[in-house]
Amino acid sequence: MFYTLISLFKDNEKLGLIGVAGAQFLPSNGIWWEGKNLVGKVIEYRRRNYQLLNLDQGFYGSQSFMSVQAIDGLFMATQYDIPWREDLFQGFHFYDVSQSLEFQRAGYLIGIPNQSNLWCIHYNGDEFDADTYEKDRKVFVEQYKDILSPS
């Protein structure tokens, strides 16, 4: 995995941010997994169960990575330093898609590698704080509405 990651960055100067799951097009509500053309693979661990999330739908062809608009924060690797929007997000939600769009604004690509072997097991937690999520979602949509895909 590490060798592949370094090679991807070395071979692609414009590739700024890599994740293992994401969407090519974010919807206007900002929720990446409701976007179009979901990409990636990960094993999710939740409530003592493992589940393969295989979002790949044959988009890669012979490409080493698929360009996306946003990635999930379970794994984020960068080739360049772009400041986090700590003025907007301090918690668990929307820091990842915000950072993705900051890389996009800076002119970099965001990518999901073509994973022959899975890179991550994701422990997502057993509880979901819907109130905080919705508060952060509204902040995200207001901040980035100019570059979100129309519904």
C-alpha atoms as a PDB file:
ATOM      1  CA  MET A   1       0.000   0.000   0.000  1.00  0.00           C
ATOM      2  CA  PHE A   2       2.684   2.509   0.998  1.00  0.00           C
ATOM      3  CA  TYR A   3       4.712   1.875  -2.161  1.00  0.00           C
ATOM      4  CA  THR A   4       1.597   2.299  -4.308  1.00  0.00           C
ATOM      5  CA  LEU A   5       0.698   5.517  -2.497  1.00  0.00           C
ATOM      6  CA  ILE A   6       4.156   7.038  -2.985  1.00  0.00           C
ATOM      7  CA  SER A   7       4.222   5.921  -6.629  1.00  0.00           C
ATOM      8  CA  LEU A   8       0.833   7.508  -7.307  1.00  0.00           C
ATOM      9  CA  PHE A   9       2.008  10.841  -5.950  1.00  0.00           C
ATOM     10  CA  LYS A  10       5.378  10.602  -7.719  1.00  0.00           C
ATOM     11  CA  ASP A  11       3.772   9.823 -11.078  1.00  0.00           C
ATOM     12  CA  ASN A  12       0.968  12.406 -10.777  1.00  0.00           C
ATOM     13  CA  GLU A  13       2.134  15.884  -9.834  1.00  0.00           C
ATOM     14  CA  LYS A  14      -1.431  17.283  -9.811  1.00  0.00           C
ATOM     15  CA  LEU A  15      -2.748  14.525  -7.518  1.00  0.00           C
ATOM     16  CA  GLY A  16      -2.944  16.243  -4.149  1.00  0.00           C
ATOM     17  CA  LEU A  17      -5.166  14.041  -1.988  1.00  0.00           C
ATOM     18  CA  ILE A  18      -5.841  10.294  -1.910  1.00  0.00           C
ATOM     19  CA  GLY A  19      -8.581   8.370  -0.112  1.00  0.00           C
ATOM     20  CA  VAL A  20     -10.082   4.892  -0.307  1.00  0.00           C
ATOM     21  CA  ALA A  21     -13.755   5.842  -0.794  1.00  0.00           C
ATOM     22  CA  GLY A  22     -15.497   8.843  -2.284  1.00  0.00           C
ATOM     23  CA  ALA A  23     -17.735  10.320  -4.958  1.00  0.00           C
ATOM     24  CA  GLN A  24     -17.006  11.790  -8.348  1.00  0.00           C
ATOM     25  CA  PHE A  25     -19.839  14.283  -7.908  1.00  0.00           C
ATOM     26  CA  LEU A  26     -21.045  15.677  -4.579  1.00  0.00           C
ATOM     27  CA  PRO A  27     -24.775  16.388  -4.413  1.00  0.00           C
ATOM     28  CA  SER A  28     -26.114  19.768  -3.348  1.00  0.00           C
ATOM     29  CA  ASN A  29     -26.868  18.387   0.143  1.00  0.00           C
ATOM     30  CA  GLY A  30     -23.125  17.711   0.699  1.00  0.00           C
ATOM     31  CA  ILE A  31     -23.533  14.046   1.679  1.00  0.00           C
ATOM     32  CA  TRP A  32     -20.833  12.310  -0.365  1.00  0.00           C
ATOM     33  CA  TRP A  33     -22.354   8.808  -0.265  1.00  0.00           C
ATOM     34  CA  GLU A  34     -25.507  10.207  -1.879  1.00  0.00           C
ATOM     35  CA  GLY A  35     -23.413  11.578  -4.745  1.00  0.00           C
ATOM     36  CA  LYS A  36     -22.953  10.217  -8.247  1.00  0.00           C
ATOM     37  CA  ASN A  37     -20.366   7.627  -9.247  1.00  0.00           C
ATOM     38  CA  LEU A  38     -19.241   6.334  -5.867  1.00  0.00           C
ATOM     39  CA  VAL A  39     -15.747   4.863  -5.969  1.00  0.00           C
ATOM     40  CA  GLY A  40     -13.600   2.774  -3.617  1.00  0.00           C
ATOM     41  CA  LYS A  41     -13.383  -0.289  -1.422  1.00  0.00           C
ATOM     42  CA  VAL A  42     -13.217  -0.684   2.329  1.00  0.00           C
ATOM     43  CA  ILE A  43     -14.174  -3.174   5.001  1.00  0.00           C
ATOM     44  CA  GLU A  44     -16.499  -1.540   7.505  1.00  0.00           C
ATOM     45  CA  TYR A  45     -16.603  -2.806  11.088  1.00  0.00           C
ATOM     46  CA  ARG A  46     -19.720  -1.870  13.006  1.00  0.00           C
ATOM     47  CA  ARG A  47     -21.572  -3.558  15.852  1.00  0.00           C
ATOM     48  CA  ARG A  48     -19.260  -6.597  15.773  1.00  0.00           C
ATOM     49  CA  ASN A  49     -19.843  -7.198  12.070  1.00  0.00           C
ATOM     50  CA  TYR A  50     -17.521  -6.847   9.111  1.00  0.00           C
ATOM     51  CA  GLN A  51     -18.978  -5.783   5.778  1.00  0.00           C
ATOM     52  CA  LEU A  52     -17.278  -5.223   2.438  1.00  0.00           C
ATOM     53  CA  LEU A  53     -18.234  -1.893   0.919  1.00  0.00           C
ATOM     54  CA  ASN A  54     -17.288  -2.234  -2.728  1.00  0.00           C
ATOM     55  CA  LEU A  55     -18.238   0.983  -4.467  1.00  0.00           C
ATOM     56  CA  ASP A  56     -16.219   0.251  -7.599  1.00  0.00           C
ATOM     57  CA  GLN A  57     -18.395  -0.048 -10.635  1.00  0.00           C
ATOM     58  CA  GLY A  58     -15.802  -0.540 -13.339  1.00  0.00           C
ATOM     59  CA  PHE A  59     -14.835   3.117 -13.604  1.00  0.00           C
ATOM     60  CA  TYR A  60     -11.083   2.516 -13.481  1.00  0.00           C
ATOM     61  CA  GLY A  61     -10.346   0.706 -16.720  1.00  0.00           C
ATOM     62  CA  SER A  62      -6.541   0.707 -16.860  1.00  0.00           C
ATOM     63  CA  GLN A  63      -6.165   3.826 -14.693  1.00  0.00           C
ATOM     64  CA  SER A  64      -4.153   3.666 -11.478  1.00  0.00           C
ATOM     65  CA  PHE A  65      -6.600   5.999  -9.722  1.00  0.00           C
ATOM     66  CA  MET A  66     -10.019   7.504 -10.290  1.00  0.00           C
ATOM     67  CA  SER A  67     -10.417  11.245  -9.941  1.00  0.00           C
ATOM     68  CA  VAL A  68     -13.232  12.204  -7.544  1.00  0.00           C
ATOM     69  CA  GLN A  69     -14.655  15.395  -6.093  1.00  0.00           C
ATOM     70  CA  ALA A  70     -14.520  14.246  -2.475  1.00  0.00           C
ATOM     71  CA  ILE A  71     -13.256  11.441  -0.264  1.00  0.00           C
ATOM     72  CA  ASP A  72     -14.319   9.980   3.053  1.00  0.00           C
ATOM     73  CA  GLY A  73     -12.046  10.778   5.991  1.00  0.00           C
ATOM     74  CA  LEU A  74     -11.377   7.183   7.002  1.00  0.00           C
ATOM     75  CA  PHE A  75      -8.095   7.449   5.066  1.00  0.00           C
ATOM     76  CA  MET A  76      -6.578  10.668   3.739  1.00  0.00           C
ATOM     77  CA  ALA A  77      -3.049  11.022   2.353  1.00  0.00           C
ATOM     78  CA  THR A  78      -1.704  14.273   0.934  1.00  0.00           C
ATOM     79  CA  GLN A  79       1.131  15.229  -1.355  1.00  0.00           C
ATOM     80  CA  TYR A  80       0.815  18.941  -0.522  1.00  0.00           C
ATOM     81  CA  ASP A  81      -0.107  20.942   2.556  1.00  0.00           C
ATOM     82  CA  ILE A  82      -3.422  22.778   2.414  1.00  0.00           C
ATOM     83  CA  PRO A  83      -4.725  24.259   5.686  1.00  0.00           C
ATOM     84  CA  TRP A  84      -7.698  22.504   7.267  1.00  0.00           C
ATOM     85  CA  ARG A  85     -10.842  24.597   7.668  1.00  0.00           C
ATOM     86  CA  GLU A  86     -10.722  24.513  11.458  1.00  0.00           C
ATOM     87  CA  ASP A  87     -12.722  27.725  11.433  1.00  0.00           C
ATOM     88  CA  LEU A  88     -15.657  25.681  10.103  1.00  0.00           C
ATOM     89  CA  PHE A  89     -15.269  22.125  11.439  1.00  0.00           C
ATOM     90  CA  GLN A  90     -13.787  20.941  14.718  1.00  0.00           C
ATOM     91  CA  GLY A  91     -15.377  17.526  14.990  1.00  0.00           C
ATOM     92  CA  PHE A  92     -16.002  14.267  13.232  1.00  0.00           C
ATOM     93  CA  HIS A  93     -18.205  15.445  10.361  1.00  0.00           C
ATOM     94  CA  PHE A  94     -17.487  17.193   7.046  1.00  0.00           C
ATOM     95  CA  TYR A  95     -13.777  17.891   7.665  1.00  0.00           C
ATOM     96  CA  ASP A  96     -13.036  15.333   4.942  1.00  0.00           C
ATOM     97  CA  VAL A  97     -15.254  16.636   2.157  1.00  0.00           C
ATOM     98  CA  SER A  98     -14.277  20.187   3.110  1.00  0.00           C
ATOM     99  CA  GLN A  99     -10.592  19.314   2.744  1.00  0.00           C
ATOM    100  CA  SER A 100     -11.337  17.621  -0.570  1.00  0.00           C
ATOM    101  CA  LEU A 101     -12.914  20.789  -1.914  1.00  0.00           C
ATOM    102  CA  GLU A 102     -10.075  22.934  -0.580  1.00  0.00           C
ATOM    103  CA  PHE A 103      -7.669  20.773  -2.614  1.00  0.00           C
ATOM    104  CA  GLN A 104      -9.948  21.159  -5.631  1.00  0.00           C
ATOM    105  CA  ARG A 105     -10.015  24.949  -5.182  1.00  0.00           C
ATOM    106  CA  ALA A 106      -6.203  24.922  -5.062  1.00  0.00           C
ATOM    107  CA  GLY A 107      -6.120  23.170  -8.443  1.00  0.00           C
ATOM    108  CA  TYR A 108      -5.255  19.648  -7.306  1.00  0.00           C
ATOM    109  CA  LEU A 109      -6.870  16.337  -8.158  1.00  0.00           C
ATOM    110  CA  ILE A 110      -8.422  14.106  -5.511  1.00  0.00           C
ATOM    111  CA  GLY A 111      -8.150  10.395  -6.206  1.00  0.00           C
ATOM    112  CA  ILE A 112      -9.154   6.905  -5.158  1.00  0.00           C
ATOM    113  CA  PRO A 113      -6.530   4.283  -6.077  1.00  0.00           C
ATOM    114  CA  ASN A 114      -7.427   1.150  -7.971  1.00  0.00           C
ATOM    115  CA  GLN A 115      -7.065  -1.197  -4.988  1.00  0.00           C
ATOM    116  CA  SER A 116      -6.345  -4.778  -5.953  1.00  0.00           C
ATOM    117  CA  ASN A 117      -6.123  -5.514  -2.227  1.00  0.00           C
ATOM    118  CA  LEU A 118      -8.135  -3.575   0.328  1.00  0.00           C
ATOM    119  CA  TRP A 119      -6.161  -0.908   2.151  1.00  0.00           C
ATOM    120  CA  CYS A 120      -8.345  -0.343   5.224  1.00  0.00           C
ATOM    121  CA  ILE A 121     -10.736  -1.687   7.785  1.00  0.00           C
ATOM    122  CA  HIS A 122     -12.928   1.167   8.970  1.00  0.00           C
ATOM    123  CA  TYR A 123     -14.341   1.213  12.481  1.00  0.00           C
ATOM    124  CA  ASN A 124     -17.130   3.718  12.081  1.00  0.00           C
ATOM    125  CA  GLY A 125     -18.381   3.705  15.653  1.00  0.00           C
ATOM    126  CA  ASP A 126     -21.687   2.338  16.817  1.00  0.00           C
ATOM    127  CA  GLU A 127     -23.439   5.647  17.480  1.00  0.00           C
ATOM    128  CA  PHE A 128     -24.313   8.508  15.137  1.00  0.00           C
ATOM    129  CA  ASP A 129     -24.766  12.088  16.374  1.00  0.00           C
ATOM    130  CA  ALA A 130     -27.449  13.251  13.935  1.00  0.00           C
ATOM    131  CA  ASP A 131     -27.798  16.736  15.451  1.00  0.00           C
ATOM    132  CA  THR A 132     -24.101  17.594  15.113  1.00  0.00           C
ATOM    133  CA  TYR A 133     -23.998  16.016  11.670  1.00  0.00           C
ATOM    134  CA  GLU A 134     -26.883  18.176  10.455  1.00  0.00           C
ATOM    135  CA  LYS A 135     -25.387  21.339  11.965  1.00  0.00           C
ATOM    136  CA  ASP A 136     -22.058  20.688  10.218  1.00  0.00           C
ATOM    137  CA  ARG A 137     -23.801  19.719   6.974  1.00  0.00           C
ATOM    138  CA  LYS A 138     -25.552  23.089   6.846  1.00  0.00           C
ATOM    139  CA  VAL A 139     -22.252  24.910   7.429  1.00  0.00           C
ATOM    140  CA  PHE A 140     -20.626  22.835   4.679  1.00  0.00           C
ATOM    141  CA  VAL A 141     -23.391  23.470   2.134  1.00  0.00           C
ATOM    142  CA  GLU A 142     -23.358  27.209   2.809  1.00  0.00           C
ATOM    143  CA  GLN A 143     -19.566  27.409   2.494  1.00  0.00           C
ATOM    144  CA  TYR A 144     -19.252  25.281  -0.666  1.00  0.00           C
ATOM    145  CA  LYS A 145     -22.584  25.735  -2.473  1.00  0.00           C
ATOM    146  CA  ASP A 146     -20.799  27.283  -5.462  1.00  0.00           C
ATOM    147  CA  ILE A 147     -19.019  24.006  -6.292  1.00  0.00           C
ATOM    148  CA  LEU A 148     -21.567  21.375  -5.269  1.00  0.00           C
ATOM    149  CA  SER A 149     -23.416  19.520  -8.018  1.00  0.00           C
ATOM    150  CA  PRO A 150     -27.042  20.528  -8.519  1.00  0.00           C
ATOM    151  CA  SER A 151     -29.590  17.974  -7.324  1.00  0.00           C
END
